[in-house]
Structure formats: C-alpha cells, structure tokens
Amino acid sequence: MSSLAVLIPALDESATVADVLQEYHAALPEAELVVVDNGSTDGTPELARATLEELGCRGRVLSEPRRGKGIAVRTALRRVDADTYLLVDADSTYPATEVGPLLAAVREEGADMAVGDRHSSGAYARENRRPLHDVGNSLVARLINGLYRSSLQDVMSGLRVFNRTVARSVPLLHDGFEIETEMTVYCLDRRLRIVEVPIDYRDRPAGSHSKLRTTRDGVRILRLIILLFKDYRPLAFFGTIGLVAVVLGVMAGIPPILDYVRFQYVYRVPLAVLAVGLVLTGLVAGTTGLILDTVVNLDRQNFERQTRRPG
C-alpha cells in the first residue's frame, strides 16, 4: 500500500486538535499524522504531541512560526514525503468517516486530486453559521468555472486528497486561506483530474473560533482570482484590457476625426492625444497578452513532458 500523510495545519486549535488526531488515527491507522503548528499561543503543539504519544501512532508536530495557512502547508509539503497526501483543517469540521471515497478516487480511480464537496449535499448551508461565506464560495466557484469551463461545486473546501504530482508541482505562492483556490486553479490549468466527492460537514464545536474574516478573506480570494487569471490566462486578461482601451480610443477619436473631415483642422487636440494614447495602450496590452500566452503554453508543454507516465 502506498504511504499516506495527513497534513493538519493548526493555529490556536487546542479545543479541537486532539479530537481530530484521534478521529483520523481511528479511520486511517496506517497514515502518518502531521500537525503543522502555525504559531499557536494556546498550547496546541504541546497538546498535539501528547495526543500523538498517547495514540502511539506515526506522527509528528512541525513548527512554522510564520502565520498563514499557505505557509504552513508549504512547510509540510517540503518536509513530508509520501505517495498520497490528505489535507484537512484542525477545526473538527470534516469527519474522518468521509475520507474513504476521496482516497479511493486518487489511489484507485486515477484522480490527481479529490475534493470534499460540502455544497452538493447541502451540509455546508445547513451547518454553516456564516451565510456570507456560502455566498462567497458560490461566487468564487462561478468565476473559476467560467474561466475554465468546469463544473466544480466547492473550490474552497479544506478537505482534499492529492497525489505526489500535485504535491511536488503546485506552486503555493499565497500565504493565507487562498491556497485551496490556488491548488484548484493550478490543477485545472494543468489539466490534472479533479474529482469532487459529496461529504458531510459540521460547524465548529463550542469553544472553537474561526480564523476566517468574511470581508478581509473575501477580498483576498477575489484578488487571488484576478492574479491567477493574469498568470494562467494572460491572453484573455490582457486582451480584454486591450480591447476596452481600443474601443475607448476609437470613441474618443471620433470627434477629432469629424473635426478634420469638416474643417481640415483638429480643434480638440487633447481628445485626439487621448485617443491615440488609448489605442496604443490597447495594442501594447494585446501584444503583451500574446507573448505571455506563448510563454504559458510552453510551460504547460514542459509540464506535460515531465509528468507523462507510460500507460
């Protein structure tokens, strides 16, 4: 059987981390449980070590004092070697009984990443006490599905299983809760196979507090999507900017052109200068998009060559 590592980033999760470790050890006794303490001040790492010792299972606690879920996951992927990885939050919202189908999708069915879908079953809407999060998740999914013509339901799920190819290639460049979106977009762009599995979901237990901030993290996620759109779809991104600039330039240039046709003289010189500037900006943006699109396509080709396996 291939090796399995359960990665559990944790920041001030003393109320739940022991329960998560016990639950996932019971469900996956063969797995290595890796808690990545993200600068906790409430005794989370000490409690995690004591629980692992009590369980007598394979496991360890990594320390990453720089806060941010993305930083914690990057640290785990650099220091933990396995054939299959399971990423789960330390807040006890994802039952361990749900992971079997996700593991099967990656290990037996050939998926590169399996994501626990909280929305299809209605579990997230039923359990979540922050309705704006549900709206935000839906908006992000629609934006990504529109960009990649996919039909994903839960791009921000904190429960996901992925293989070594994903673990060794995905560039986690953002430090916070944006990493799930970043991983999803990367896999879509590289045409890696993503499978969503409907799962049950439970809200945080009493005494446990979410680190998410609806407005702040929502803005960060939307900013991430714009940046990923620029990085992974440069022709569409810069082409749209270029088209808008050219259209505005043509509109601004109509009055000066009419002046010249009627009077053989351009009276609205500032408008003419603006029109020329906008058209040139549009042409430069379009050319930039074409060049970057070529670079991105070459990178995709290199990725395909490096990861292709016989059969």
C-alpha atoms as a PDB file:
ATOM      1  CA  MET A   1       0.000   0.000   0.000  1.00  0.00           C
ATOM      2  CA  SER A   2       1.272   3.472  -0.831  1.00  0.00           C
ATOM      3  CA  SER A   3       2.236   5.764   2.019  1.00  0.00           C
ATOM      4  CA  LEU A   4      -0.266   8.335   3.246  1.00  0.00           C
ATOM      5  CA  ALA A   5       0.397  11.572   5.119  1.00  0.00           C
ATOM      6  CA  VAL A   6      -2.388  13.530   6.798  1.00  0.00           C
ATOM      7  CA  LEU A   7      -1.411  17.207   6.900  1.00  0.00           C
ATOM      8  CA  ILE A   8      -3.156  19.233   9.622  1.00  0.00           C
ATOM      9  CA  PRO A   9      -2.265  22.950   9.727  1.00  0.00           C
ATOM     10  CA  ALA A  10      -3.253  24.350  13.117  1.00  0.00           C
ATOM     11  CA  LEU A  11      -3.369  27.815  14.648  1.00  0.00           C
ATOM     12  CA  ASP A  12      -4.739  28.036  18.193  1.00  0.00           C
ATOM     13  CA  GLU A  13      -6.825  24.868  17.865  1.00  0.00           C
ATOM     14  CA  SER A  14      -6.380  23.426  21.362  1.00  0.00           C
ATOM     15  CA  ALA A  15     -10.158  22.912  21.598  1.00  0.00           C
ATOM     16  CA  THR A  16     -10.227  20.528  18.641  1.00  0.00           C
ATOM     17  CA  VAL A  17      -6.785  19.240  17.613  1.00  0.00           C
ATOM     18  CA  ALA A  18      -6.839  16.213  19.958  1.00  0.00           C
ATOM     19  CA  ASP A  19     -10.247  15.124  18.686  1.00  0.00           C
ATOM     20  CA  VAL A  20      -9.082  15.482  15.062  1.00  0.00           C
ATOM     21  CA  LEU A  21      -5.977  13.374  15.696  1.00  0.00           C
ATOM     22  CA  GLN A  22      -7.956  10.659  17.481  1.00  0.00           C
ATOM     23  CA  GLU A  23     -10.617  10.608  14.787  1.00  0.00           C
ATOM     24  CA  TYR A  24      -8.216  10.427  11.842  1.00  0.00           C
ATOM     25  CA  HIS A  25      -5.989   7.841  13.504  1.00  0.00           C
ATOM     26  CA  ALA A  26      -9.032   5.630  14.081  1.00  0.00           C
ATOM     27  CA  ALA A  27     -10.090   5.999  10.434  1.00  0.00           C
ATOM     28  CA  LEU A  28      -6.562   5.799   8.935  1.00  0.00           C
ATOM     29  CA  PRO A  29      -4.318   3.835  11.314  1.00  0.00           C
ATOM     30  CA  GLU A  30      -1.654   3.390   8.629  1.00  0.00           C
ATOM     31  CA  ALA A  31      -1.279   7.125   7.974  1.00  0.00           C
ATOM     32  CA  GLU A  32       1.362   9.477   9.315  1.00  0.00           C
ATOM     33  CA  LEU A  33      -0.365  12.345  11.120  1.00  0.00           C
ATOM     34  CA  VAL A  34       1.495  15.626  10.713  1.00  0.00           C
ATOM     35  CA  VAL A  35       0.338  18.662  12.661  1.00  0.00           C
ATOM     36  CA  VAL A  36       1.865  21.928  11.458  1.00  0.00           C
ATOM     37  CA  ASP A  37       1.705  24.391  14.320  1.00  0.00           C
ATOM     38  CA  ASN A  38       1.332  27.861  12.834  1.00  0.00           C
ATOM     39  CA  GLY A  39       2.462  29.985  15.761  1.00  0.00           C
ATOM     40  CA  SER A  40      -0.167  28.940  18.298  1.00  0.00           C
ATOM     41  CA  THR A  41      -0.224  30.554  21.725  1.00  0.00           C
ATOM     42  CA  ASP A  42      -2.845  28.328  23.384  1.00  0.00           C
ATOM     43  CA  GLY A  43      -0.847  25.124  23.841  1.00  0.00           C
ATOM     44  CA  THR A  44      -1.889  23.496  20.563  1.00  0.00           C
ATOM     45  CA  PRO A  45       1.536  21.947  19.744  1.00  0.00           C
ATOM     46  CA  GLU A  46       2.005  20.529  23.241  1.00  0.00           C
ATOM     47  CA  LEU A  47      -1.484  19.009  23.186  1.00  0.00           C
ATOM     48  CA  ALA A  48      -0.888  17.569  19.707  1.00  0.00           C
ATOM     49  CA  ARG A  49       2.380  15.922  20.806  1.00  0.00           C
ATOM     50  CA  ALA A  50       0.768  14.466  23.907  1.00  0.00           C
ATOM     51  CA  THR A  51      -2.128  13.093  21.854  1.00  0.00           C
ATOM     52  CA  LEU A  52       0.173  11.501  19.275  1.00  0.00           C
ATOM     53  CA  GLU A  53       2.202   9.887  22.059  1.00  0.00           C
ATOM     54  CA  GLU A  54      -0.951   8.618  23.730  1.00  0.00           C
ATOM     55  CA  LEU A  55      -2.231   7.149  20.462  1.00  0.00           C
ATOM     56  CA  GLY A  56       1.121   5.512  19.764  1.00  0.00           C
ATOM     57  CA  CYS A  57       0.791   6.263  16.058  1.00  0.00           C
ATOM     58  CA  ARG A  58       3.149   7.528  13.385  1.00  0.00           C
ATOM     59  CA  GLY A  59       3.085  11.273  13.646  1.00  0.00           C
ATOM     60  CA  ARG A  60       4.918  14.461  14.402  1.00  0.00           C
ATOM     61  CA  VAL A  61       4.404  18.141  15.064  1.00  0.00           C
ATOM     62  CA  LEU A  62       6.151  20.605  12.781  1.00  0.00           C
ATOM     63  CA  SER A  63       6.694  24.190  13.847  1.00  0.00           C
ATOM     64  CA  GLU A  64       6.074  27.081  11.450  1.00  0.00           C
ATOM     65  CA  PRO A  65       6.014  30.356  13.416  1.00  0.00           C
ATOM     66  CA  ARG A  66       5.170  32.459  10.367  1.00  0.00           C
ATOM     67  CA  ARG A  67       1.395  32.627  10.394  1.00  0.00           C
ATOM     68  CA  GLY A  68      -0.736  31.770   7.387  1.00  0.00           C
ATOM     69  CA  LYS A  69      -2.293  28.521   6.245  1.00  0.00           C
ATOM     70  CA  GLY A  70      -0.457  28.696   2.937  1.00  0.00           C
ATOM     71  CA  ILE A  71       2.883  28.999   4.728  1.00  0.00           C
ATOM     72  CA  ALA A  72       2.022  26.049   6.984  1.00  0.00           C
ATOM     73  CA  VAL A  73       1.057  23.810   4.056  1.00  0.00           C
ATOM     74  CA  ARG A  74       4.196  24.779   2.116  1.00  0.00           C
ATOM     75  CA  THR A  75       6.288  23.802   5.130  1.00  0.00           C
ATOM     76  CA  ALA A  76       4.524  20.442   5.358  1.00  0.00           C
ATOM     77  CA  LEU A  77       4.970  19.640   1.667  1.00  0.00           C
ATOM     78  CA  ARG A  78       8.676  20.481   1.862  1.00  0.00           C
ATOM     79  CA  ARG A  79       9.304  18.273   4.882  1.00  0.00           C
ATOM     80  CA  VAL A  80       6.897  15.355   4.450  1.00  0.00           C
ATOM     81  CA  ASP A  81       7.405  12.699   1.801  1.00  0.00           C
ATOM     82  CA  ALA A  82       4.503  10.403   0.859  1.00  0.00           C
ATOM     83  CA  ASP A  83       2.761   8.901  -2.132  1.00  0.00           C
ATOM     84  CA  THR A  84      -0.612  10.371  -1.168  1.00  0.00           C
ATOM     85  CA  TYR A  85      -1.460  13.427   0.891  1.00  0.00           C
ATOM     86  CA  LEU A  86      -4.622  14.266   2.779  1.00  0.00           C
ATOM     87  CA  LEU A  87      -5.050  17.910   3.763  1.00  0.00           C
ATOM     88  CA  VAL A  88      -7.602  18.657   6.481  1.00  0.00           C
ATOM     89  CA  ASP A  89      -8.312  21.560   8.808  1.00  0.00           C
ATOM     90  CA  ALA A  90      -7.703  21.159  12.546  1.00  0.00           C
ATOM     91  CA  ASP A  91     -11.112  22.593  13.473  1.00  0.00           C
ATOM     92  CA  SER A  92     -13.014  19.270  13.543  1.00  0.00           C
ATOM     93  CA  THR A  93     -15.425  20.320  10.776  1.00  0.00           C
ATOM     94  CA  TYR A  94     -14.531  17.460   8.402  1.00  0.00           C
ATOM     95  CA  PRO A  95     -15.474  13.995   9.724  1.00  0.00           C
ATOM     96  CA  ALA A  96     -12.836  11.341   9.142  1.00  0.00           C
ATOM     97  CA  THR A  97     -15.565   8.930   8.070  1.00  0.00           C
ATOM     98  CA  GLU A  98     -15.837  10.923   4.824  1.00  0.00           C
ATOM     99  CA  VAL A  99     -12.284  10.394   3.570  1.00  0.00           C
ATOM    100  CA  GLY A 100     -12.595   6.834   2.205  1.00  0.00           C
ATOM    101  CA  PRO A 101     -14.148   7.793  -1.165  1.00  0.00           C
ATOM    102  CA  LEU A 102     -11.625  10.626  -1.594  1.00  0.00           C
ATOM    103  CA  LEU A 103      -8.700   8.272  -1.059  1.00  0.00           C
ATOM    104  CA  ALA A 104     -10.230   5.742  -3.440  1.00  0.00           C
ATOM    105  CA  ALA A 105     -10.643   8.409  -6.119  1.00  0.00           C
ATOM    106  CA  VAL A 106      -6.908   9.173  -6.045  1.00  0.00           C
ATOM    107  CA  ARG A 107      -5.449   5.760  -5.267  1.00  0.00           C
ATOM    108  CA  GLU A 108      -7.754   3.536  -7.302  1.00  0.00           C
ATOM    109  CA  GLU A 109      -9.506   5.709  -9.876  1.00  0.00           C
ATOM    110  CA  GLY A 110      -6.557   7.774 -11.066  1.00  0.00           C
ATOM    111  CA  ALA A 111      -7.672  11.245  -9.960  1.00  0.00           C
ATOM    112  CA  ASP A 112      -4.883  13.703  -9.239  1.00  0.00           C
ATOM    113  CA  MET A 113      -6.887  15.493  -6.575  1.00  0.00           C
ATOM    114  CA  ALA A 114     -10.135  14.618  -4.801  1.00  0.00           C
ATOM    115  CA  VAL A 115     -12.020  17.404  -3.043  1.00  0.00           C
ATOM    116  CA  GLY A 116     -14.624  17.037  -0.324  1.00  0.00           C
ATOM    117  CA  ASP A 117     -17.684  18.825  -1.697  1.00  0.00           C
ATOM    118  CA  ARG A 118     -19.649  20.380   1.176  1.00  0.00           C
ATOM    119  CA  HIS A 119     -22.290  22.012  -1.010  1.00  0.00           C
ATOM    120  CA  SER A 120     -23.903  19.294  -3.124  1.00  0.00           C
ATOM    121  CA  SER A 121     -25.326  17.528  -0.081  1.00  0.00           C
ATOM    122  CA  GLY A 122     -26.495  20.801   1.470  1.00  0.00           C
ATOM    123  CA  ALA A 123     -24.326  20.154   4.522  1.00  0.00           C
ATOM    124  CA  TYR A 124     -22.491  23.474   4.380  1.00  0.00           C
ATOM    125  CA  ALA A 125     -25.636  25.554   4.016  1.00  0.00           C
ATOM    126  CA  ARG A 126     -27.203  23.601   6.867  1.00  0.00           C
ATOM    127  CA  GLU A 127     -24.277  23.769   9.307  1.00  0.00           C
ATOM    128  CA  ASN A 128     -22.528  26.999   8.421  1.00  0.00           C
ATOM    129  CA  ARG A 129     -23.485  29.914  10.671  1.00  0.00           C
ATOM    130  CA  ARG A 130     -21.861  32.497   8.406  1.00  0.00           C
ATOM    131  CA  PRO A 131     -24.178  32.872   5.381  1.00  0.00           C
ATOM    132  CA  LEU A 132     -21.873  35.312   3.593  1.00  0.00           C
ATOM    133  CA  HIS A 133     -19.267  32.541   3.391  1.00  0.00           C
ATOM    134  CA  ASP A 134     -21.741  30.428   1.426  1.00  0.00           C
ATOM    135  CA  VAL A 135     -22.348  33.327  -0.975  1.00  0.00           C
ATOM    136  CA  GLY A 136     -18.612  33.909  -1.330  1.00  0.00           C
ATOM    137  CA  ASN A 137     -17.895  30.240  -2.043  1.00  0.00           C
ATOM    138  CA  SER A 138     -20.588  30.190  -4.724  1.00  0.00           C
ATOM    139  CA  LEU A 139     -19.232  33.352  -6.355  1.00  0.00           C
ATOM    140  CA  VAL A 140     -15.666  32.033  -6.442  1.00  0.00           C
ATOM    141  CA  ALA A 141     -16.825  28.720  -7.929  1.00  0.00           C
ATOM    142  CA  ARG A 142     -18.767  30.523 -10.653  1.00  0.00           C
ATOM    143  CA  LEU A 143     -15.812  32.710 -11.567  1.00  0.00           C
ATOM    144  CA  ILE A 144     -13.428  29.761 -11.815  1.00  0.00           C
ATOM    145  CA  ASN A 145     -15.933  27.601 -13.681  1.00  0.00           C
ATOM    146  CA  GLY A 146     -16.430  30.442 -16.141  1.00  0.00           C
ATOM    147  CA  LEU A 147     -12.691  30.758 -16.730  1.00  0.00           C
ATOM    148  CA  TYR A 148     -12.064  27.042 -17.182  1.00  0.00           C
ATOM    149  CA  ARG A 149     -15.452  25.776 -18.368  1.00  0.00           C
ATOM    150  CA  SER A 150     -15.523  23.401 -15.433  1.00  0.00           C
ATOM    151  CA  SER A 151     -18.398  22.454 -13.150  1.00  0.00           C
ATOM    152  CA  LEU A 152     -16.846  22.421  -9.692  1.00  0.00           C
ATOM    153  CA  GLN A 153     -19.067  22.979  -6.681  1.00  0.00           C
ATOM    154  CA  ASP A 154     -16.607  23.573  -3.829  1.00  0.00           C
ATOM    155  CA  VAL A 155     -13.266  25.087  -4.827  1.00  0.00           C
ATOM    156  CA  MET A 156     -12.517  26.263  -1.279  1.00  0.00           C
ATOM    157  CA  SER A 157     -13.015  23.015   0.624  1.00  0.00           C
ATOM    158  CA  GLY A 158     -10.417  22.364   3.319  1.00  0.00           C
ATOM    159  CA  LEU A 159     -10.612  18.583   2.863  1.00  0.00           C
ATOM    160  CA  ARG A 160      -8.730  17.273  -0.136  1.00  0.00           C
ATOM    161  CA  VAL A 161      -6.576  14.307  -1.148  1.00  0.00           C
ATOM    162  CA  PHE A 162      -3.882  14.637  -3.804  1.00  0.00           C
ATOM    163  CA  ASN A 163      -1.042  12.631  -5.268  1.00  0.00           C
ATOM    164  CA  ARG A 164       2.685  13.221  -5.386  1.00  0.00           C
ATOM    165  CA  THR A 165       2.491  15.002  -8.761  1.00  0.00           C
ATOM    166  CA  VAL A 166       0.298  17.725  -7.271  1.00  0.00           C
ATOM    167  CA  ALA A 167       2.316  17.905  -4.052  1.00  0.00           C
ATOM    168  CA  ARG A 168       5.607  18.335  -5.892  1.00  0.00           C
ATOM    169  CA  SER A 169       4.464  20.704  -8.628  1.00  0.00           C
ATOM    170  CA  VAL A 170       1.773  23.046  -7.310  1.00  0.00           C
ATOM    171  CA  PRO A 171       3.285  26.493  -6.616  1.00  0.00           C
ATOM    172  CA  LEU A 172       1.714  27.708  -3.375  1.00  0.00           C
ATOM    173  CA  LEU A 173       2.598  31.387  -3.630  1.00  0.00           C
ATOM    174  CA  HIS A 174      -0.015  32.806  -1.267  1.00  0.00           C
ATOM    175  CA  ASP A 175       0.187  32.681   2.494  1.00  0.00           C
ATOM    176  CA  GLY A 176      -3.401  32.514   3.710  1.00  0.00           C
ATOM    177  CA  PHE A 177      -6.658  30.672   3.157  1.00  0.00           C
ATOM    178  CA  GLU A 178      -6.360  31.274  -0.593  1.00  0.00           C
ATOM    179  CA  ILE A 179      -4.336  28.087  -1.048  1.00  0.00           C
ATOM    180  CA  GLU A 180      -7.339  25.835  -1.741  1.00  0.00           C
ATOM    181  CA  THR A 181      -8.379  28.106  -4.606  1.00  0.00           C
ATOM    182  CA  GLU A 182      -4.780  28.293  -5.790  1.00  0.00           C
ATOM    183  CA  MET A 183      -4.459  24.490  -5.825  1.00  0.00           C
ATOM    184  CA  THR A 184      -7.739  24.102  -7.702  1.00  0.00           C
ATOM    185  CA  VAL A 185      -6.863  26.626 -10.406  1.00  0.00           C
ATOM    186  CA  TYR A 186      -3.403  25.120 -10.864  1.00  0.00           C
ATOM    187  CA  CYS A 187      -4.833  21.628 -11.377  1.00  0.00           C
ATOM    188  CA  LEU A 188      -7.441  22.925 -13.813  1.00  0.00           C
ATOM    189  CA  ASP A 189      -4.831  24.819 -15.778  1.00  0.00           C
ATOM    190  CA  ARG A 190      -2.513  21.803 -15.947  1.00  0.00           C
ATOM    191  CA  ARG A 191      -5.447  19.584 -16.983  1.00  0.00           C
ATOM    192  CA  LEU A 192      -4.961  17.427 -13.924  1.00  0.00           C
ATOM    193  CA  ARG A 193      -8.011  15.417 -12.989  1.00  0.00           C
ATOM    194  CA  ILE A 194     -10.087  16.785 -10.127  1.00  0.00           C
ATOM    195  CA  VAL A 195     -12.875  14.701  -8.613  1.00  0.00           C
ATOM    196  CA  GLU A 196     -15.400  16.119  -6.176  1.00  0.00           C
ATOM    197  CA  VAL A 197     -16.956  13.795  -3.609  1.00  0.00           C
ATOM    198  CA  PRO A 198     -20.027  14.983  -1.656  1.00  0.00           C
ATOM    199  CA  ILE A 199     -19.278  14.903   2.067  1.00  0.00           C
ATOM    200  CA  ASP A 200     -20.921  15.662   5.355  1.00  0.00           C
ATOM    201  CA  TYR A 201     -19.821  18.806   7.154  1.00  0.00           C
ATOM    202  CA  ARG A 202     -20.232  20.076  10.684  1.00  0.00           C
ATOM    203  CA  ASP A 203     -19.740  23.534  12.080  1.00  0.00           C
ATOM    204  CA  ARG A 204     -17.072  24.231  14.652  1.00  0.00           C
ATOM    205  CA  PRO A 205     -17.809  22.899  18.145  1.00  0.00           C
ATOM    206  CA  ALA A 206     -18.485  25.253  21.027  1.00  0.00           C
ATOM    207  CA  GLY A 207     -15.338  26.934  22.296  1.00  0.00           C
ATOM    208  CA  SER A 208     -13.625  26.818  18.907  1.00  0.00           C
ATOM    209  CA  HIS A 209     -13.231  30.033  16.957  1.00  0.00           C
ATOM    210  CA  SER A 210     -12.758  30.515  13.218  1.00  0.00           C
ATOM    211  CA  LYS A 211      -9.735  32.434  11.937  1.00  0.00           C
ATOM    212  CA  LEU A 212     -11.642  33.455   8.804  1.00  0.00           C
ATOM    213  CA  ARG A 213     -12.801  37.045   8.384  1.00  0.00           C
ATOM    214  CA  THR A 214     -15.553  37.266   5.798  1.00  0.00           C
ATOM    215  CA  THR A 215     -14.750  40.658   4.268  1.00  0.00           C
ATOM    216  CA  ARG A 216     -10.964  40.523   4.536  1.00  0.00           C
ATOM    217  CA  ASP A 217     -10.591  36.980   3.257  1.00  0.00           C
ATOM    218  CA  GLY A 218     -13.261  37.504   0.600  1.00  0.00           C
ATOM    219  CA  VAL A 219     -11.290  40.425  -0.827  1.00  0.00           C
ATOM    220  CA  ARG A 220      -8.112  38.334  -0.723  1.00  0.00           C
ATOM    221  CA  ILE A 221      -9.777  35.482  -2.606  1.00  0.00           C
ATOM    222  CA  LEU A 222     -11.132  37.798  -5.316  1.00  0.00           C
ATOM    223  CA  ARG A 223      -7.727  39.438  -5.628  1.00  0.00           C
ATOM    224  CA  LEU A 224      -6.201  35.967  -5.983  1.00  0.00           C
ATOM    225  CA  ILE A 225      -8.592  35.053  -8.792  1.00  0.00           C
ATOM    226  CA  ILE A 226      -7.634  38.216 -10.703  1.00  0.00           C
ATOM    227  CA  LEU A 227      -3.932  37.426 -10.262  1.00  0.00           C
ATOM    228  CA  LEU A 228      -4.404  33.801 -11.309  1.00  0.00           C
ATOM    229  CA  PHE A 229      -6.441  34.947 -14.309  1.00  0.00           C
ATOM    230  CA  LYS A 230      -3.499  37.173 -15.280  1.00  0.00           C
ATOM    231  CA  ASP A 231      -0.936  34.409 -14.743  1.00  0.00           C
ATOM    232  CA  TYR A 232      -2.791  31.465 -16.284  1.00  0.00           C
ATOM    233  CA  ARG A 233      -4.944  33.202 -18.932  1.00  0.00           C
ATOM    234  CA  PRO A 234      -2.761  36.163 -19.989  1.00  0.00           C
ATOM    235  CA  LEU A 235      -4.196  36.449 -23.497  1.00  0.00           C
ATOM    236  CA  ALA A 236      -7.753  36.733 -22.200  1.00  0.00           C
ATOM    237  CA  PHE A 237      -6.683  39.067 -19.364  1.00  0.00           C
ATOM    238  CA  PHE A 238      -4.549  41.491 -21.373  1.00  0.00           C
ATOM    239  CA  GLY A 239      -6.690  41.033 -24.488  1.00  0.00           C
ATOM    240  CA  THR A 240      -9.738  42.233 -22.576  1.00  0.00           C
ATOM    241  CA  ILE A 241      -7.839  45.262 -21.296  1.00  0.00           C
ATOM    242  CA  GLY A 242      -6.531  45.952 -24.817  1.00  0.00           C
ATOM    243  CA  LEU A 243      -9.968  45.638 -26.415  1.00  0.00           C
ATOM    244  CA  VAL A 244     -11.531  48.022 -23.894  1.00  0.00           C
ATOM    245  CA  ALA A 245      -8.704  50.527 -24.422  1.00  0.00           C
ATOM    246  CA  VAL A 246      -9.021  50.381 -28.222  1.00  0.00           C
ATOM    247  CA  VAL A 247     -12.804  50.795 -28.100  1.00  0.00           C
ATOM    248  CA  LEU A 248     -12.478  53.775 -25.775  1.00  0.00           C
ATOM    249  CA  GLY A 249      -9.737  55.181 -28.014  1.00  0.00           C
ATOM    250  CA  VAL A 250     -11.930  54.906 -31.107  1.00  0.00           C
ATOM    251  CA  MET A 251     -14.812  56.580 -29.284  1.00  0.00           C
ATOM    252  CA  ALA A 252     -12.516  59.389 -28.123  1.00  0.00           C
ATOM    253  CA  GLY A 253     -11.104  59.745 -31.633  1.00  0.00           C
ATOM    254  CA  ILE A 254     -14.423  60.191 -33.444  1.00  0.00           C
ATOM    255  CA  PRO A 255     -14.871  63.925 -32.577  1.00  0.00           C
ATOM    256  CA  PRO A 256     -11.333  64.904 -33.719  1.00  0.00           C
ATOM    257  CA  ILE A 257     -11.796  62.887 -36.926  1.00  0.00           C
ATOM    258  CA  LEU A 258     -15.093  64.651 -37.607  1.00  0.00           C
ATOM    259  CA  ASP A 259     -13.368  67.974 -36.968  1.00  0.00           C
ATOM    260  CA  TYR A 260     -10.766  67.167 -39.588  1.00  0.00           C
ATOM    261  CA  VAL A 261     -13.335  65.930 -42.112  1.00  0.00           C
ATOM    262  CA  ARG A 262     -15.427  69.067 -41.745  1.00  0.00           C
ATOM    263  CA  PHE A 263     -12.790  71.760 -41.265  1.00  0.00           C
ATOM    264  CA  GLN A 264      -9.481  70.167 -42.293  1.00  0.00           C
ATOM    265  CA  TYR A 265      -8.283  71.075 -38.819  1.00  0.00           C
ATOM    266  CA  VAL A 266      -8.346  69.313 -35.437  1.00  0.00           C
ATOM    267  CA  TYR A 267      -9.765  71.611 -32.787  1.00  0.00           C
ATOM    268  CA  ARG A 268      -9.965  69.040 -29.989  1.00  0.00           C
ATOM    269  CA  VAL A 269      -6.268  68.221 -29.759  1.00  0.00           C
ATOM    270  CA  PRO A 270      -6.339  66.852 -26.158  1.00  0.00           C
ATOM    271  CA  LEU A 271      -9.074  64.417 -27.177  1.00  0.00           C
ATOM    272  CA  ALA A 272      -7.040  63.345 -30.198  1.00  0.00           C
ATOM    273  CA  VAL A 273      -3.978  62.751 -27.992  1.00  0.00           C
ATOM    274  CA  LEU A 274      -6.124  60.727 -25.567  1.00  0.00           C
ATOM    275  CA  ALA A 275      -7.498  58.650 -28.441  1.00  0.00           C
ATOM    276  CA  VAL A 276      -4.036  57.844 -29.790  1.00  0.00           C
ATOM    277  CA  GLY A 277      -2.794  57.002 -26.288  1.00  0.00           C
ATOM    278  CA  LEU A 278      -5.695  54.640 -25.632  1.00  0.00           C
ATOM    279  CA  VAL A 279      -5.300  52.832 -28.948  1.00  0.00           C
ATOM    280  CA  LEU A 280      -1.554  52.425 -28.441  1.00  0.00           C
ATOM    281  CA  THR A 281      -2.172  51.166 -24.892  1.00  0.00           C
ATOM    282  CA  GLY A 282      -4.654  48.646 -26.242  1.00  0.00           C
ATOM    283  CA  LEU A 283      -2.227  47.417 -28.882  1.00  0.00           C
ATOM    284  CA  VAL A 284       0.585  47.075 -26.319  1.00  0.00           C
ATOM    285  CA  ALA A 285      -1.732  45.172 -23.934  1.00  0.00           C
ATOM    286  CA  GLY A 286      -2.800  42.816 -26.719  1.00  0.00           C
ATOM    287  CA  THR A 287       0.795  42.192 -27.765  1.00  0.00           C
ATOM    288  CA  THR A 288       1.774  41.563 -24.136  1.00  0.00           C
ATOM    289  CA  GLY A 289      -1.034  39.027 -23.853  1.00  0.00           C
ATOM    290  CA  LEU A 290       0.140  37.193 -26.976  1.00  0.00           C
ATOM    291  CA  ILE A 291       3.739  36.990 -25.756  1.00  0.00           C
ATOM    292  CA  LEU A 292       2.800  35.832 -22.253  1.00  0.00           C
ATOM    293  CA  ASP A 293       0.311  33.324 -23.646  1.00  0.00           C
ATOM    294  CA  THR A 294       3.124  31.759 -25.664  1.00  0.00           C
ATOM    295  CA  VAL A 295       5.278  31.539 -22.526  1.00  0.00           C
ATOM    296  CA  VAL A 296       2.445  29.959 -20.520  1.00  0.00           C
ATOM    297  CA  ASN A 297       1.729  27.417 -23.255  1.00  0.00           C
ATOM    298  CA  LEU A 298       5.408  26.447 -23.399  1.00  0.00           C
ATOM    299  CA  ASP A 299       5.345  25.969 -19.620  1.00  0.00           C
ATOM    300  CA  ARG A 300       2.277  23.713 -19.958  1.00  0.00           C
ATOM    301  CA  GLN A 301       4.068  21.673 -22.620  1.00  0.00           C
ATOM    302  CA  ASN A 302       7.100  21.246 -20.365  1.00  0.00           C
ATOM    303  CA  PHE A 303       4.845  20.141 -17.501  1.00  0.00           C
ATOM    304  CA  GLU A 304       3.171  17.546 -19.734  1.00  0.00           C
ATOM    305  CA  ARG A 305       6.516  16.137 -20.827  1.00  0.00           C
ATOM    306  CA  GLN A 306       7.858  15.975 -17.282  1.00  0.00           C
ATOM    307  CA  THR A 307       4.815  14.288 -15.742  1.00  0.00           C
ATOM    308  CA  ARG A 308       3.683  11.943 -18.530  1.00  0.00           C
ATOM    309  CA  ARG A 309       3.684   8.320 -17.475  1.00  0.00           C
ATOM    310  CA  PRO A 310       3.548   5.249 -19.735  1.00  0.00           C
ATOM    311  CA  GLY A 311       0.094   3.632 -19.945  1.00  0.00           C
END
